[in-house]
Structure formats: structure tokens, C-alpha cells
Amino acid sequence: MPYTQEGVGYQKTDTSRAAARSNYPGKLSARDRVLQLLQKMQLSLTSHEIADVLQIPEVTVRPRLSELRNDDKIVDSGQRGQTPWGKKCIKWRSA
């Protein structure tokens, strides 16, 4: 996945690239917001819970969790939550 100079990832499409570049200095990216939430809450949260608290779509949250996990900034807490459909899911916490 390509990234902007600010570290915002995007897909190989013109619309995704434009959205990633629309981030201006000082604006918190969704990734920053997810990380700050997990650091401040000091709780383990599911992707659904994070999306609810931040009032952003879960489809925006999930890739950010993967990026943060790959950068060793968050970890699987070992706890499990439940999706709205009754399936088990990971509860994440800051590293």
C-alpha cells in the first residue's frame, strides 16, 4: 500500500490518493484518532466499539487497526468482544 509523506495509506486509485492527500497539517487522521482513543481509554475495545465512540464507519476503523498493529502500537488484549451479529471479535489495547 502506498503512503503519503504524512504516513496516510491509500489504495492505488485516484480517489483514494486524493482522500489521503486531503489531510492537512494538524488534522488528526482516523489512525491518530483510533490510537489516541485506545491510549486514553486504557481499556480494550472492539472495532465496533471504537467506531461507535469516534462516530466513524467501522470500514474506516478496521484498516487503521491493522496499520497500528503492524507498527506495534496496539496489541490483541487477549479479550474477546461480540459483533452486532453475535460473532467473537478481538478487543484491542494500546501497546
PDB file of N, CA and C in Angstrom:
ATOM      1  N   MET A   1       0.851  -1.172   0.000  1.00  0.00           N
ATOM      2  CA  MET A   1       0.000   0.000   0.000  1.00  0.00           C
ATOM      3  C   MET A   1       0.900   1.239   0.000  1.00  0.00           C
ATOM      4  N   PRO A   2       0.650   2.176  -0.898  1.00  0.00           N
ATOM      5  CA  PRO A   2       1.418   3.423  -0.872  1.00  0.00           C
ATOM      6  C   PRO A   2       0.961   4.336   0.267  1.00  0.00           C
ATOM      7  N   TYR A   3       1.853   5.239   0.681  1.00  0.00           N
ATOM      8  CA  TYR A   3       1.571   6.171   1.768  1.00  0.00           C
ATOM      9  C   TYR A   3       1.978   7.584   1.354  1.00  0.00           C
ATOM     10  N   THR A   4       1.283   8.564   1.919  1.00  0.00           N
ATOM     11  CA  THR A   4       1.677   9.964   1.719  1.00  0.00           C
ATOM     12  C   THR A   4       2.895  10.246   2.601  1.00  0.00           C
ATOM     13  N   GLN A   5       3.475  11.442   2.468  1.00  0.00           N
ATOM     14  CA  GLN A   5       4.612  11.823   3.302  1.00  0.00           C
ATOM     15  C   GLN A   5       4.235  11.857   4.781  1.00  0.00           C
ATOM     16  N   GLU A   6       2.954  12.070   5.072  1.00  0.00           N
ATOM     17  CA  GLU A   6       2.480  12.104   6.458  1.00  0.00           C
ATOM     18  C   GLU A   6       2.188  10.712   7.000  1.00  0.00           C
ATOM     19  N   GLY A   7       2.343   9.676   6.169  1.00  0.00           N
ATOM     20  CA  GLY A   7       2.121   8.308   6.604  1.00  0.00           C
ATOM     21  C   GLY A   7       0.694   7.819   6.458  1.00  0.00           C
ATOM     22  N   VAL A   8      -0.121   8.534   5.677  1.00  0.00           N
ATOM     23  CA  VAL A   8      -1.504   8.128   5.451  1.00  0.00           C
ATOM     24  C   VAL A   8      -1.530   7.159   4.268  1.00  0.00           C
ATOM     25  N   GLY A   9      -2.047   5.958   4.499  1.00  0.00           N
ATOM     26  CA  GLY A   9      -2.097   4.954   3.451  1.00  0.00           C
ATOM     27  C   GLY A   9      -3.274   5.159   2.513  1.00  0.00           C
ATOM     28  N   TYR A  10      -3.106   4.717   1.264  1.00  0.00           N
ATOM     29  CA  TYR A  10      -4.184   4.809   0.286  1.00  0.00           C
ATOM     30  C   TYR A  10      -4.058   3.690  -0.734  1.00  0.00           C
ATOM     31  N   GLN A  11      -5.163   3.399  -1.374  1.00  0.00           N
ATOM     32  CA  GLN A  11      -5.190   2.378  -2.421  1.00  0.00           C
ATOM     33  C   GLN A  11      -4.682   2.982  -3.728  1.00  0.00           C
ATOM     34  N   LYS A  12      -4.482   2.152  -4.702  1.00  0.00           N
ATOM     35  CA  LYS A  12      -3.932   2.610  -5.982  1.00  0.00           C
ATOM     36  C   LYS A  12      -5.025   3.106  -6.921  1.00  0.00           C
ATOM     37  N   THR A  13      -5.831   4.041  -6.410  1.00  0.00           N
ATOM     38  CA  THR A  13      -6.848   4.692  -7.236  1.00  0.00           C
ATOM     39  C   THR A  13      -6.729   6.195  -7.046  1.00  0.00           C
ATOM     40  N   ASP A  14      -7.199   6.943  -8.020  1.00  0.00           N
ATOM     41  CA  ASP A  14      -7.095   8.395  -7.916  1.00  0.00           C
ATOM     42  C   ASP A  14      -7.929   8.941  -6.760  1.00  0.00           C
ATOM     43  N   THR A  15      -9.088   8.364  -6.498  1.00  0.00           N
ATOM     44  CA  THR A  15      -9.947   8.864  -5.424  1.00  0.00           C
ATOM     45  C   THR A  15      -9.345   8.578  -4.043  1.00  0.00           C
ATOM     46  N   SER A  16      -8.769   7.406  -3.870  1.00  0.00           N
ATOM     47  CA  SER A  16      -8.147   7.067  -2.600  1.00  0.00           C
ATOM     48  C   SER A  16      -6.929   7.956  -2.349  1.00  0.00           C
ATOM     49  N   ARG A  17      -6.128   8.178  -3.379  1.00  0.00           N
ATOM     50  CA  ARG A  17      -4.951   9.042  -3.271  1.00  0.00           C
ATOM     51  C   ARG A  17      -5.363  10.467  -2.913  1.00  0.00           C
ATOM     52  N   ALA A  18      -6.410  10.977  -3.564  1.00  0.00           N
ATOM     53  CA  ALA A  18      -6.884  12.334  -3.283  1.00  0.00           C
ATOM     54  C   ALA A  18      -7.380  12.458  -1.842  1.00  0.00           C
ATOM     55  N   ALA A  19      -8.093  11.459  -1.356  1.00  0.00           N
ATOM     56  CA  ALA A  19      -8.597  11.489   0.022  1.00  0.00           C
ATOM     57  C   ALA A  19      -7.432  11.487   1.016  1.00  0.00           C
ATOM     58  N   ALA A  20      -6.417  10.688   0.751  1.00  0.00           N
ATOM     59  CA  ALA A  20      -5.258  10.622   1.645  1.00  0.00           C
ATOM     60  C   ALA A  20      -4.505  11.944   1.657  1.00  0.00           C
ATOM     61  N   ARG A  21      -4.434  12.591   0.534  1.00  0.00           N
ATOM     62  CA  ARG A  21      -3.708  13.861   0.448  1.00  0.00           C
ATOM     63  C   ARG A  21      -4.516  15.040   0.974  1.00  0.00           C
ATOM     64  N   SER A  22      -5.800  14.831   1.241  1.00  0.00           N
ATOM     65  CA  SER A  22      -6.630  15.922   1.757  1.00  0.00           C
ATOM     66  C   SER A  22      -6.347  16.186   3.229  1.00  0.00           C
ATOM     67  N   ASN A  23      -5.543  15.337   3.840  1.00  0.00           N
ATOM     68  CA  ASN A  23      -5.171  15.517   5.236  1.00  0.00           C
ATOM     69  C   ASN A  23      -4.247  16.728   5.333  1.00  0.00           C
ATOM     70  N   TYR A  24      -4.591  17.684   6.160  1.00  0.00           N
ATOM     71  CA  TYR A  24      -3.761  18.880   6.292  1.00  0.00           C
ATOM     72  C   TYR A  24      -2.998  18.836   7.608  1.00  0.00           C
ATOM     73  N   PRO A  25      -1.897  19.578   7.707  1.00  0.00           N
ATOM     74  CA  PRO A  25      -1.092  19.548   8.937  1.00  0.00           C
ATOM     75  C   PRO A  25      -1.942  19.901  10.155  1.00  0.00           C
ATOM     76  N   GLY A  26      -1.788  19.125  11.217  1.00  0.00           N
ATOM     77  CA  GLY A  26      -2.526  19.361  12.436  1.00  0.00           C
ATOM     78  C   GLY A  26      -3.851  18.617  12.512  1.00  0.00           C
ATOM     79  N   LYS A  27      -4.354  18.177  11.376  1.00  0.00           N
ATOM     80  CA  LYS A  27      -5.609  17.419  11.378  1.00  0.00           C
ATOM     81  C   LYS A  27      -5.306  15.985  11.800  1.00  0.00           C
ATOM     82  N   LEU A  28      -6.060  15.495  12.748  1.00  0.00           N
ATOM     83  CA  LEU A  28      -5.859  14.118  13.173  1.00  0.00           C
ATOM     84  C   LEU A  28      -6.452  13.170  12.144  1.00  0.00           C
ATOM     85  N   SER A  29      -5.658  12.236  11.708  1.00  0.00           N
ATOM     86  CA  SER A  29      -6.160  11.216  10.796  1.00  0.00           C
ATOM     87  C   SER A  29      -6.993  10.221  11.599  1.00  0.00           C
ATOM     88  N   ALA A  30      -7.747   9.398  10.908  1.00  0.00           N
ATOM     89  CA  ALA A  30      -8.526   8.360  11.582  1.00  0.00           C
ATOM     90  C   ALA A  30      -7.589   7.456  12.376  1.00  0.00           C
ATOM     91  N   ARG A  31      -6.429   7.197  11.832  1.00  0.00           N
ATOM     92  CA  ARG A  31      -5.446   6.353  12.519  1.00  0.00           C
ATOM     93  C   ARG A  31      -5.020   6.985  13.845  1.00  0.00           C
ATOM     94  N   ASP A  32      -4.723   8.289  13.810  1.00  0.00           N
ATOM     95  CA  ASP A  32      -4.343   9.004  15.033  1.00  0.00           C
ATOM     96  C   ASP A  32      -5.472   8.988  16.053  1.00  0.00           C
ATOM     97  N   ARG A  33      -6.692   9.170  15.585  1.00  0.00           N
ATOM     98  CA  ARG A  33      -7.845   9.197  16.479  1.00  0.00           C
ATOM     99  C   ARG A  33      -8.058   7.847  17.154  1.00  0.00           C
ATOM    100  N   VAL A  34      -7.893   6.757  16.387  1.00  0.00           N
ATOM    101  CA  VAL A  34      -8.040   5.405  16.946  1.00  0.00           C
ATOM    102  C   VAL A  34      -6.970   5.169  18.008  1.00  0.00           C
ATOM    103  N   LEU A  35      -5.722   5.515  17.689  1.00  0.00           N
ATOM    104  CA  LEU A  35      -4.634   5.306  18.640  1.00  0.00           C
ATOM    105  C   LEU A  35      -4.840   6.143  19.899  1.00  0.00           C
ATOM    106  N   GLN A  36      -5.188   7.392  19.747  1.00  0.00           N
ATOM    107  CA  GLN A  36      -5.409   8.249  20.914  1.00  0.00           C
ATOM    108  C   GLN A  36      -6.539   7.715  21.793  1.00  0.00           C
ATOM    109  N   LEU A  37      -7.587   7.224  21.176  1.00  0.00           N
ATOM    110  CA  LEU A  37      -8.698   6.670  21.945  1.00  0.00           C
ATOM    111  C   LEU A  37      -8.227   5.494  22.793  1.00  0.00           C
ATOM    112  N   LEU A  38      -7.503   4.565  22.191  1.00  0.00           N
ATOM    113  CA  LEU A  38      -7.033   3.392  22.926  1.00  0.00           C
ATOM    114  C   LEU A  38      -6.042   3.776  24.015  1.00  0.00           C
ATOM    115  N   GLN A  39      -5.233   4.797  23.779  1.00  0.00           N
ATOM    116  CA  GLN A  39      -4.285   5.243  24.799  1.00  0.00           C
ATOM    117  C   GLN A  39      -5.003   5.931  25.959  1.00  0.00           C
ATOM    118  N   LYS A  40      -5.984   6.748  25.643  1.00  0.00           N
ATOM    119  CA  LYS A  40      -6.695   7.499  26.683  1.00  0.00           C
ATOM    120  C   LYS A  40      -7.643   6.610  27.489  1.00  0.00           C
ATOM    121  N   MET A  41      -8.335   5.729  26.823  1.00  0.00           N
ATOM    122  CA  MET A  41      -9.333   4.895  27.484  1.00  0.00           C
ATOM    123  C   MET A  41      -8.678   3.870  28.405  1.00  0.00           C
ATOM    124  N   GLN A  42      -7.490   3.413  28.065  1.00  0.00           N
ATOM    125  CA  GLN A  42      -6.802   2.377  28.818  1.00  0.00           C
ATOM    126  C   GLN A  42      -7.706   1.161  29.020  1.00  0.00           C
ATOM    127  N   LEU A  43      -8.592   0.952  28.059  1.00  0.00           N
ATOM    128  CA  LEU A  43      -9.474  -0.207  28.031  1.00  0.00           C
ATOM    129  C   LEU A  43      -9.253  -0.931  26.726  1.00  0.00           C
ATOM    130  N   SER A  44      -9.688  -2.158  26.677  1.00  0.00           N
ATOM    131  CA  SER A  44      -9.668  -2.910  25.425  1.00  0.00           C
ATOM    132  C   SER A  44     -11.005  -2.698  24.733  1.00  0.00           C
ATOM    133  N   LEU A  45     -10.949  -2.384  23.441  1.00  0.00           N
ATOM    134  CA  LEU A  45     -12.167  -2.105  22.682  1.00  0.00           C
ATOM    135  C   LEU A  45     -12.181  -2.884  21.374  1.00  0.00           C
ATOM    136  N   THR A  46     -13.374  -3.249  20.926  1.00  0.00           N
ATOM    137  CA  THR A  46     -13.540  -3.890  19.623  1.00  0.00           C
ATOM    138  C   THR A  46     -13.577  -2.815  18.533  1.00  0.00           C
ATOM    139  N   SER A  47     -13.458  -3.232  17.298  1.00  0.00           N
ATOM    140  CA  SER A  47     -13.549  -2.274  16.186  1.00  0.00           C
ATOM    141  C   SER A  47     -14.921  -1.613  16.159  1.00  0.00           C
ATOM    142  N   HIS A  48     -15.952  -2.352  16.530  1.00  0.00           N
ATOM    143  CA  HIS A  48     -17.311  -1.788  16.572  1.00  0.00           C
ATOM    144  C   HIS A  48     -17.410  -0.705  17.640  1.00  0.00           C
ATOM    145  N   GLU A  49     -16.845  -0.985  18.808  1.00  0.00           N
ATOM    146  CA  GLU A  49     -16.880  -0.012  19.896  1.00  0.00           C
ATOM    147  C   GLU A  49     -16.098   1.245  19.544  1.00  0.00           C
ATOM    148  N   ILE A  50     -14.944   1.068  18.918  1.00  0.00           N
ATOM    149  CA  ILE A  50     -14.126   2.210  18.508  1.00  0.00           C
ATOM    150  C   ILE A  50     -14.897   3.067  17.506  1.00  0.00           C
ATOM    151  N   ALA A  51     -15.509   2.433  16.531  1.00  0.00           N
ATOM    152  CA  ALA A  51     -16.293   3.152  15.524  1.00  0.00           C
ATOM    153  C   ALA A  51     -17.430   3.929  16.167  1.00  0.00           C
ATOM    154  N   ASP A  52     -18.093   3.323  17.135  1.00  0.00           N
ATOM    155  CA  ASP A  52     -19.203   3.990  17.833  1.00  0.00           C
ATOM    156  C   ASP A  52     -18.722   5.216  18.597  1.00  0.00           C
ATOM    157  N   VAL A  53     -17.636   5.064  19.353  1.00  0.00           N
ATOM    158  CA  VAL A  53     -17.123   6.170  20.158  1.00  0.00           C
ATOM    159  C   VAL A  53     -16.661   7.323  19.268  1.00  0.00           C
ATOM    160  N   LEU A  54     -15.927   6.997  18.200  1.00  0.00           N
ATOM    161  CA  LEU A  54     -15.387   8.035  17.323  1.00  0.00           C
ATOM    162  C   LEU A  54     -16.401   8.527  16.299  1.00  0.00           C
ATOM    163  N   GLN A  55     -17.521   7.844  16.201  1.00  0.00           N
ATOM    164  CA  GLN A  55     -18.568   8.181  15.231  1.00  0.00           C
ATOM    165  C   GLN A  55     -18.029   8.226  13.804  1.00  0.00           C
ATOM    166  N   ILE A  56     -17.292   7.164  13.469  1.00  0.00           N
ATOM    167  CA  ILE A  56     -16.801   6.970  12.106  1.00  0.00           C
ATOM    168  C   ILE A  56     -17.150   5.549  11.685  1.00  0.00           C
ATOM    169  N   PRO A  57     -17.230   5.289  10.388  1.00  0.00           N
ATOM    170  CA  PRO A  57     -17.604   3.951   9.928  1.00  0.00           C
ATOM    171  C   PRO A  57     -16.581   2.889  10.342  1.00  0.00           C
ATOM    172  N   GLU A  58     -17.083   1.715  10.650  1.00  0.00           N
ATOM    173  CA  GLU A  58     -16.185   0.625  11.012  1.00  0.00           C
ATOM    174  C   GLU A  58     -15.241   0.263   9.860  1.00  0.00           C
ATOM    175  N   VAL A  59     -15.683   0.453   8.630  1.00  0.00           N
ATOM    176  CA  VAL A  59     -14.807   0.160   7.491  1.00  0.00           C
ATOM    177  C   VAL A  59     -13.616   1.117   7.449  1.00  0.00           C
ATOM    178  N   THR A  60     -13.700   2.214   8.151  1.00  0.00           N
ATOM    179  CA  THR A  60     -12.559   3.128   8.294  1.00  0.00           C
ATOM    180  C   THR A  60     -11.673   2.667   9.452  1.00  0.00           C
ATOM    181  N   VAL A  61     -12.267   2.123  10.485  1.00  0.00           N
ATOM    182  CA  VAL A  61     -11.530   1.723  11.683  1.00  0.00           C
ATOM    183  C   VAL A  61     -10.678   0.481  11.447  1.00  0.00           C
ATOM    184  N   ARG A  62     -11.243  -0.539  10.833  1.00  0.00           N
ATOM    185  CA  ARG A  62     -10.542  -1.827  10.714  1.00  0.00           C
ATOM    186  C   ARG A  62      -9.171  -1.733  10.034  1.00  0.00           C
ATOM    187  N   PRO A  63      -9.038  -1.030   8.895  1.00  0.00           N
ATOM    188  CA  PRO A  63      -7.699  -0.930   8.300  1.00  0.00           C
ATOM    189  C   PRO A  63      -6.722  -0.158   9.189  1.00  0.00           C
ATOM    190  N   ARG A  64      -7.238   0.816   9.952  1.00  0.00           N
ATOM    191  CA  ARG A  64      -6.376   1.580  10.855  1.00  0.00           C
ATOM    192  C   ARG A  64      -5.854   0.679  11.965  1.00  0.00           C
ATOM    193  N   LEU A  65      -6.692  -0.243  12.444  1.00  0.00           N
ATOM    194  CA  LEU A  65      -6.249  -1.195  13.456  1.00  0.00           C
ATOM    195  C   LEU A  65      -5.137  -2.086  12.906  1.00  0.00           C
ATOM    196  N   SER A  66      -5.275  -2.514  11.659  1.00  0.00           N
ATOM    197  CA  SER A  66      -4.224  -3.339  11.041  1.00  0.00           C
ATOM    198  C   SER A  66      -2.921  -2.561  10.933  1.00  0.00           C
ATOM    199  N   GLU A  67      -3.006  -1.296  10.522  1.00  0.00           N
ATOM    200  CA  GLU A  67      -1.804  -0.459  10.411  1.00  0.00           C
ATOM    201  C   GLU A  67      -1.142  -0.283  11.775  1.00  0.00           C
ATOM    202  N   LEU A  68      -1.946   0.019  12.787  1.00  0.00           N
ATOM    203  CA  LEU A  68      -1.409   0.233  14.129  1.00  0.00           C
ATOM    204  C   LEU A  68      -0.811  -1.044  14.708  1.00  0.00           C
ATOM    205  N   ARG A  69      -1.441  -2.171  14.427  1.00  0.00           N
ATOM    206  CA  ARG A  69      -0.895  -3.457  14.877  1.00  0.00           C
ATOM    207  C   ARG A  69       0.437  -3.739  14.185  1.00  0.00           C
ATOM    208  N   ASN A  70       0.499  -3.485  12.887  1.00  0.00           N
ATOM    209  CA  ASN A  70       1.729  -3.723  12.137  1.00  0.00           C
ATOM    210  C   ASN A  70       2.867  -2.823  12.611  1.00  0.00           C
ATOM    211  N   ASP A  71       2.526  -1.654  13.141  1.00  0.00           N
ATOM    212  CA  ASP A  71       3.530  -0.721  13.674  1.00  0.00           C
ATOM    213  C   ASP A  71       3.790  -0.941  15.161  1.00  0.00           C
ATOM    214  N   ASP A  72       3.237  -2.024  15.719  1.00  0.00           N
ATOM    215  CA  ASP A  72       3.413  -2.379  17.133  1.00  0.00           C
ATOM    216  C   ASP A  72       2.932  -1.291  18.092  1.00  0.00           C
ATOM    217  N   LYS A  73       1.898  -0.555  17.681  1.00  0.00           N
ATOM    218  CA  LYS A  73       1.347   0.494  18.549  1.00  0.00           C
ATOM    219  C   LYS A  73       0.120   0.011  19.318  1.00  0.00           C
ATOM    220  N   ILE A  74      -0.497  -1.052  18.829  1.00  0.00           N
ATOM    221  CA  ILE A  74      -1.604  -1.685  19.538  1.00  0.00           C
ATOM    222  C   ILE A  74      -1.395  -3.193  19.515  1.00  0.00           C
ATOM    223  N   VAL A  75      -2.060  -3.864  20.458  1.00  0.00           N
ATOM    224  CA  VAL A  75      -1.942  -5.326  20.538  1.00  0.00           C
ATOM    225  C   VAL A  75      -3.298  -5.941  20.843  1.00  0.00           C
ATOM    226  N   ASP A  76      -3.416  -7.195  20.510  1.00  0.00           N
ATOM    227  CA  ASP A  76      -4.582  -8.003  20.880  1.00  0.00           C
ATOM    228  C   ASP A  76      -4.535  -8.154  22.396  1.00  0.00           C
ATOM    229  N   SER A  77      -5.581  -7.736  23.074  1.00  0.00           N
ATOM    230  CA  SER A  77      -5.616  -7.774  24.537  1.00  0.00           C
ATOM    231  C   SER A  77      -5.785  -9.191  25.090  1.00  0.00           C
ATOM    232  N   GLY A  78      -6.167 -10.109  24.226  1.00  0.00           N
ATOM    233  CA  GLY A  78      -6.488 -11.462  24.681  1.00  0.00           C
ATOM    234  C   GLY A  78      -7.956 -11.590  25.072  1.00  0.00           C
ATOM    235  N   GLN A  79      -8.626 -10.453  25.186  1.00  0.00           N
ATOM    236  CA  GLN A  79     -10.057 -10.452  25.492  1.00  0.00           C
ATOM    237  C   GLN A  79     -10.842 -10.502  24.186  1.00  0.00           C
ATOM    238  N   ARG A  80     -12.072 -10.953  24.265  1.00  0.00           N
ATOM    239  CA  ARG A  80     -12.920 -11.013  23.091  1.00  0.00           C
ATOM    240  C   ARG A  80     -14.228 -10.285  23.370  1.00  0.00           C
ATOM    241  N   GLY A  81     -14.686  -9.599  22.351  1.00  0.00           N
ATOM    242  CA  GLY A  81     -15.981  -8.942  22.410  1.00  0.00           C
ATOM    243  C   GLY A  81     -16.926  -9.668  21.484  1.00  0.00           C
ATOM    244  N   GLN A  82     -18.040  -9.037  21.211  1.00  0.00           N
ATOM    245  CA  GLN A  82     -19.034  -9.646  20.337  1.00  0.00           C
ATOM    246  C   GLN A  82     -19.462  -8.621  19.293  1.00  0.00           C
ATOM    247  N   THR A  83     -19.550  -9.077  18.058  1.00  0.00           N
ATOM    248  CA  THR A  83     -20.021  -8.217  16.988  1.00  0.00           C
ATOM    249  C   THR A  83     -21.536  -8.057  17.102  1.00  0.00           C
ATOM    250  N   PRO A  84     -22.103  -7.105  16.385  1.00  0.00           N
ATOM    251  CA  PRO A  84     -23.567  -6.984  16.393  1.00  0.00           C
ATOM    252  C   PRO A  84     -24.268  -8.236  15.868  1.00  0.00           C
ATOM    253  N   TRP A  85     -23.521  -9.113  15.200  1.00  0.00           N
ATOM    254  CA  TRP A  85     -24.091 -10.342  14.633  1.00  0.00           C
ATOM    255  C   TRP A  85     -23.807 -11.554  15.495  1.00  0.00           C
ATOM    256  N   GLY A  86     -23.286 -11.331  16.711  1.00  0.00           N
ATOM    257  CA  GLY A  86     -23.077 -12.422  17.643  1.00  0.00           C
ATOM    258  C   GLY A  86     -21.778 -13.185  17.494  1.00  0.00           C
ATOM    259  N   LYS A  87     -20.882 -12.727  16.645  1.00  0.00           N
ATOM    260  CA  LYS A  87     -19.590 -13.398  16.454  1.00  0.00           C
ATOM    261  C   LYS A  87     -18.559 -12.816  17.416  1.00  0.00           C
ATOM    262  N   LYS A  88     -17.569 -13.618  17.794  1.00  0.00           N
ATOM    263  CA  LYS A  88     -16.482 -13.133  18.641  1.00  0.00           C
ATOM    264  C   LYS A  88     -15.529 -12.264  17.827  1.00  0.00           C
ATOM    265  N   CYS A  89     -14.976 -11.248  18.495  1.00  0.00           N
ATOM    266  CA  CYS A  89     -14.001 -10.386  17.823  1.00  0.00           C
ATOM    267  C   CYS A  89     -12.956  -9.918  18.833  1.00  0.00           C
ATOM    268  N   ILE A  90     -11.819  -9.490  18.320  1.00  0.00           N
ATOM    269  CA  ILE A  90     -10.691  -9.053  19.139  1.00  0.00           C
ATOM    270  C   ILE A  90     -11.008  -7.735  19.834  1.00  0.00           C
ATOM    271  N   LYS A  91     -10.553  -7.628  21.074  1.00  0.00           N
ATOM    272  CA  LYS A  91     -10.571  -6.357  21.789  1.00  0.00           C
ATOM    273  C   LYS A  91      -9.124  -5.855  21.787  1.00  0.00           C
ATOM    274  N   TRP A  92      -8.921  -4.666  21.253  1.00  0.00           N
ATOM    275  CA  TRP A  92      -7.588  -4.083  21.085  1.00  0.00           C
ATOM    276  C   TRP A  92      -7.246  -3.157  22.241  1.00  0.00           C
ATOM    277  N   ARG A  93      -5.942  -3.045  22.538  1.00  0.00           N
ATOM    278  CA  ARG A  93      -5.466  -2.083  23.522  1.00  0.00           C
ATOM    279  C   ARG A  93      -4.153  -1.483  23.024  1.00  0.00           C
ATOM    280  N   SER A  94      -3.781  -0.328  23.573  1.00  0.00           N
ATOM    281  CA  SER A  94      -2.514   0.284  23.163  1.00  0.00           C
ATOM    282  C   SER A  94      -1.363  -0.577  23.680  1.00  0.00           C
ATOM    283  N   ALA A  95      -0.258  -0.535  22.973  1.00  0.00           N
ATOM    284  CA  ALA A  95       0.906  -1.370  23.322  1.00  0.00           C
ATOM    285  C   ALA A  95       1.655  -0.778  24.513  1.00  0.00           C
TER     286      ALA A  95
END
